[in-house]
């Protein structure tokens, strides 16, 4: 296990302890926390959440689109096999820190329904991200390497776009079979970043509305 994964595991375990056993870390069940500490925790929560959201949106909706439109397919695949695990680790660490700080500021026992729902969105984002890092991401990379091997044997894969692969797959059953398996696994793997990205913006909206209501009251 590389040190970034070890860091992610450590932060995740710490965040889990803070969320489910906040009293062990000095948090009071009534939610009363010293003002200075609360300010620092809110800052940590804001920075970690914004980093997670920005990274997820950039990698999912900007970096991938730019790479697929401008890089040869094999180069794009190899680059993405390095970029995605790194982004999953960063987003996972940030989601864990964000959820942990939120759980410390708002202990589960004394939290309102809105606060519990917000924490649930953060935890779901972390879960989707972790499943891609540990399960679907490695499966996709392994299948991608198998397809690259088949394509190299057919002298394709160095072009930009999928047209050459589609043409050859129409007459080559081996490539067609590999394509079907890759698309199935890749489809599931792509769904999880979308689910993760779709969990963070609702949290931002709900949290903003919640803060607005509190300020008005």
Protein backbone atom coordinates (compact mmCIF):
# COMPACT_ATOMS: atom_id res chain seq x y z
CA UNK A 1 0.00 0.00 0.00
CA UNK A 2 1.48 3.36 -1.05
CA UNK A 3 1.71 6.20 1.43
CA UNK A 4 -1.21 8.18 -0.09
CA UNK A 5 -3.46 5.14 0.39
CA UNK A 6 -2.14 4.73 3.93
CA UNK A 7 -2.92 8.39 4.59
CA UNK A 8 -6.42 7.92 3.20
CA UNK A 9 -6.97 4.87 5.43
CA UNK A 10 -5.73 6.74 8.52
CA UNK A 11 -7.88 9.80 7.83
CA UNK A 12 -10.92 7.61 7.12
CA UNK A 13 -10.55 5.68 10.39
CA UNK A 14 -10.07 8.92 12.32
CA UNK A 15 -13.11 10.51 10.68
CA UNK A 16 -15.21 7.42 11.44
CA UNK A 17 -14.23 7.66 15.10
CA UNK A 18 -15.02 11.37 15.22
CA UNK A 19 -18.43 10.86 13.57
CA UNK A 20 -19.62 7.91 15.65
CA UNK A 21 -17.74 8.57 18.91
CA UNK A 22 -17.33 12.37 19.03
CA UNK A 23 -17.28 12.40 22.84
CA UNK A 24 -14.01 10.42 22.77
CA UNK A 25 -12.40 13.35 20.95
CA UNK A 26 -13.75 16.05 23.27
CA UNK A 27 -16.96 16.92 21.45
CA UNK A 28 -20.00 17.44 23.66
CA UNK A 29 -23.30 15.75 22.86
CA UNK A 30 -25.11 19.09 23.12
CA UNK A 31 -22.96 20.50 20.31
CA UNK A 32 -21.40 23.22 22.50
CA UNK A 33 -17.82 23.67 21.30
CA UNK A 34 -15.32 26.44 22.17
CA UNK A 35 -15.63 29.28 19.67
CA UNK A 36 -11.99 29.22 18.60
CA UNK A 37 -11.99 25.48 17.97
CA UNK A 38 -15.31 25.70 16.11
CA UNK A 39 -13.87 28.40 13.85
CA UNK A 40 -10.85 26.26 12.97
CA UNK A 41 -13.03 23.23 12.31
CA UNK A 42 -15.35 25.21 10.04
CA UNK A 43 -12.33 26.46 8.10
CA UNK A 44 -10.97 22.91 7.75
CA UNK A 45 -14.42 21.72 6.68
CA UNK A 46 -14.74 24.46 4.06
CA UNK A 47 -11.27 23.92 2.60
CA UNK A 48 -11.58 20.13 2.45
CA UNK A 49 -15.08 20.21 0.96
CA UNK A 50 -14.18 22.81 -1.68
CA UNK A 51 -11.05 20.84 -2.64
CA UNK A 52 -13.07 17.61 -2.99
CA UNK A 53 -15.79 19.29 -5.04
CA UNK A 54 -13.37 21.17 -7.28
CA UNK A 55 -11.21 18.10 -7.92
CA UNK A 56 -14.21 15.87 -8.68
CA UNK A 57 -15.78 18.35 -11.09
CA UNK A 58 -12.48 19.20 -12.82
CA UNK A 59 -11.40 15.61 -13.39
CA UNK A 60 -14.86 14.35 -14.38
CA UNK A 61 -16.07 17.18 -16.61
CA UNK A 62 -12.95 19.04 -17.81
CA UNK A 63 -9.75 16.98 -17.77
CA UNK A 64 -11.28 13.84 -19.28
CA UNK A 65 -13.03 15.75 -22.07
CA UNK A 66 -9.88 17.66 -23.02
CA UNK A 67 -7.73 14.51 -23.00
CA UNK A 68 -10.12 12.35 -25.02
CA UNK A 69 -10.42 15.02 -27.71
CA UNK A 70 -6.69 15.71 -28.04
CA UNK A 71 -4.66 12.62 -27.06
CA UNK A 72 -4.11 9.29 -28.82
CA UNK A 73 -6.31 6.66 -27.18
CA UNK A 74 -3.53 4.56 -25.66
CA UNK A 75 -1.79 7.64 -24.28
CA UNK A 76 -5.12 8.90 -22.93
CA UNK A 77 -5.85 5.55 -21.27
CA UNK A 78 -2.41 5.28 -19.68
CA UNK A 79 -2.57 8.86 -18.42
CA UNK A 80 -6.06 8.37 -16.99
CA UNK A 81 -4.97 5.16 -15.23
CA UNK A 82 -2.52 7.34 -13.27
CA UNK A 83 -4.68 10.45 -12.89
CA UNK A 84 -7.88 8.85 -11.63
CA UNK A 85 -6.45 6.88 -8.67
CA UNK A 86 -4.59 10.00 -7.53
CA UNK A 87 -7.76 12.09 -7.77
CA UNK A 88 -9.78 9.41 -5.94
CA UNK A 89 -7.27 9.42 -3.08
CA UNK A 90 -7.31 13.23 -2.84
CA UNK A 91 -11.11 13.42 -2.97
CA UNK A 92 -11.41 10.57 -0.45
CA UNK A 93 -9.09 12.28 2.03
CA UNK A 94 -10.93 15.59 1.65
CA UNK A 95 -14.37 13.96 1.99
CA UNK A 96 -13.24 12.13 5.12
CA UNK A 97 -11.86 15.33 6.67
CA UNK A 98 -14.99 17.26 5.69
CA UNK A 99 -17.32 14.60 7.14
CA UNK A 100 -15.21 14.25 10.29
CA UNK A 101 -15.13 17.98 11.01
CA UNK A 102 -18.86 18.26 10.31
CA UNK A 103 -19.55 15.30 12.59
CA UNK A 104 -17.49 16.88 15.37
CA UNK A 105 -19.31 20.20 15.06
CA UNK A 106 -22.70 18.49 14.89
CA UNK A 107 -22.71 15.29 16.99
CA UNK A 108 -25.19 12.73 15.68
CA UNK A 109 -27.16 12.48 18.93
CA UNK A 110 -27.98 16.18 19.02
CA UNK A 111 -28.13 16.82 15.26
CA UNK A 112 -31.25 17.95 13.46
CA UNK A 113 -32.67 16.06 10.49
CA UNK A 114 -31.10 18.58 8.09
CA UNK A 115 -27.67 18.11 9.69
CA UNK A 116 -27.94 14.32 9.53
CA UNK A 117 -28.95 14.53 5.87
CA UNK A 118 -25.93 16.72 5.10
CA UNK A 119 -23.61 14.27 6.83
CA UNK A 120 -25.23 11.45 4.86
CA UNK A 121 -24.44 13.20 1.57
CA UNK A 122 -20.78 13.61 2.58
CA UNK A 123 -20.54 9.96 3.62
CA UNK A 124 -22.20 8.77 0.40
CA UNK A 125 -19.70 10.76 -1.65
CA UNK A 126 -16.88 9.15 0.29
CA UNK A 127 -18.38 5.68 -0.23
CA UNK A 128 -18.79 6.13 -4.01
CA UNK A 129 -15.24 7.46 -4.26
CA UNK A 130 -13.79 4.62 -2.19
CA UNK A 131 -15.57 1.94 -4.24
CA UNK A 132 -14.05 3.36 -7.41
CA UNK A 133 -10.58 3.56 -5.90
CA UNK A 134 -10.54 0.03 -4.52
CA UNK A 135 -12.83 -1.95 -6.84
CA UNK A 136 -14.12 -0.53 -10.11
CA UNK A 137 -11.05 1.59 -10.95
CA UNK A 138 -8.56 -1.32 -10.82
CA UNK A 139 -10.98 -3.56 -12.76
CA UNK A 140 -11.29 -0.94 -15.50
CA UNK A 141 -7.51 -0.42 -15.72
CA UNK A 142 -6.90 -4.17 -15.98
CA UNK A 143 -9.46 -4.54 -18.77
CA UNK A 144 -8.06 -1.45 -20.52
CA UNK A 145 -4.58 -3.03 -20.58
CA UNK A 146 -6.02 -6.21 -22.11
CA UNK A 147 -7.71 -4.18 -24.81
CA UNK A 148 -4.55 -2.18 -25.47
CA UNK A 149 -2.68 -5.47 -25.98
CA UNK A 150 -5.24 -6.66 -28.53
CA UNK A 151 -5.19 -3.29 -30.31
CA UNK A 152 -1.39 -3.24 -30.52
CA UNK A 153 -1.51 -6.63 -32.21
CA UNK A 154 -3.88 -5.05 -34.76
CA UNK A 155 -1.69 -1.92 -35.11
CA UNK A 156 -4.37 0.48 -33.84
CA UNK A 157 -4.75 2.66 -30.75
CA UNK A 158 -2.36 5.50 -31.56
CA UNK A 159 -5.06 7.56 -33.26
CA UNK A 160 -7.34 10.14 -31.66
CA UNK A 161 -10.94 9.01 -31.32
CA UNK A 162 -12.73 5.67 -31.47
CA UNK A 163 -13.47 5.35 -35.21
CA UNK A 164 -10.57 2.96 -35.97
CA UNK A 165 -11.44 0.68 -33.06
CA UNK A 166 -15.08 0.54 -34.18
CA UNK A 167 -14.14 -0.30 -37.77
CA UNK A 168 -11.76 -3.10 -36.82
CA UNK A 169 -14.14 -4.53 -34.18
CA UNK A 170 -16.73 -5.07 -36.90
CA UNK A 171 -14.49 -7.71 -38.53
CA UNK A 172 -12.44 -8.91 -35.53
CA UNK A 173 -14.37 -10.95 -32.97
CA UNK A 174 -11.58 -10.90 -30.38
CA UNK A 175 -11.49 -7.10 -30.27
CA UNK A 176 -15.30 -6.96 -30.26
CA UNK A 177 -15.44 -9.27 -27.22
CA UNK A 178 -12.83 -7.22 -25.34
CA UNK A 179 -14.71 -4.02 -26.20
CA UNK A 180 -17.96 -5.40 -24.74
CA UNK A 181 -16.30 -6.39 -21.46
CA UNK A 182 -14.48 -3.07 -21.21
CA UNK A 183 -17.62 -1.02 -21.86
CA UNK A 184 -19.56 -2.93 -19.23
CA UNK A 185 -16.95 -2.43 -16.50
CA UNK A 186 -16.12 1.10 -17.64
CA UNK A 187 -19.81 2.04 -17.58
CA UNK A 188 -20.13 1.06 -13.92
CA UNK A 189 -16.83 2.79 -13.08
CA UNK A 190 -17.98 6.00 -14.80
CA UNK A 191 -21.30 5.93 -12.95
CA UNK A 192 -19.64 6.22 -9.55
CA UNK A 193 -17.78 9.53 -10.19
CA UNK A 194 -21.08 10.94 -11.46
CA UNK A 195 -22.85 9.75 -8.31
CA UNK A 196 -20.04 11.15 -6.17
CA UNK A 197 -20.13 14.48 -8.02
CA UNK A 198 -23.92 14.57 -7.77
CA UNK A 199 -23.77 14.12 -3.98
CA UNK A 200 -21.48 17.08 -3.28
CA UNK A 201 -23.41 19.95 -4.99
CA UNK A 202 -26.71 19.06 -3.19
CA UNK A 203 -24.81 19.19 0.09
CA UNK A 204 -23.51 22.64 -0.84
CA UNK A 205 -27.04 23.86 -1.68
CA UNK A 206 -28.66 22.35 1.42
CA UNK A 207 -25.87 23.62 3.66
CA UNK A 208 -26.21 27.11 2.19
CA UNK A 209 -29.97 27.15 2.71
CA UNK A 210 -29.52 25.78 6.23
CA UNK A 211 -27.00 28.54 7.09
CA UNK A 212 -29.34 31.16 5.60
CA UNK A 213 -32.24 29.96 7.74
CA UNK A 214 -30.05 30.00 10.85
CA UNK A 215 -28.85 33.54 10.13
CA UNK A 216 -32.41 34.77 9.59
CA UNK A 217 -33.63 33.20 12.80
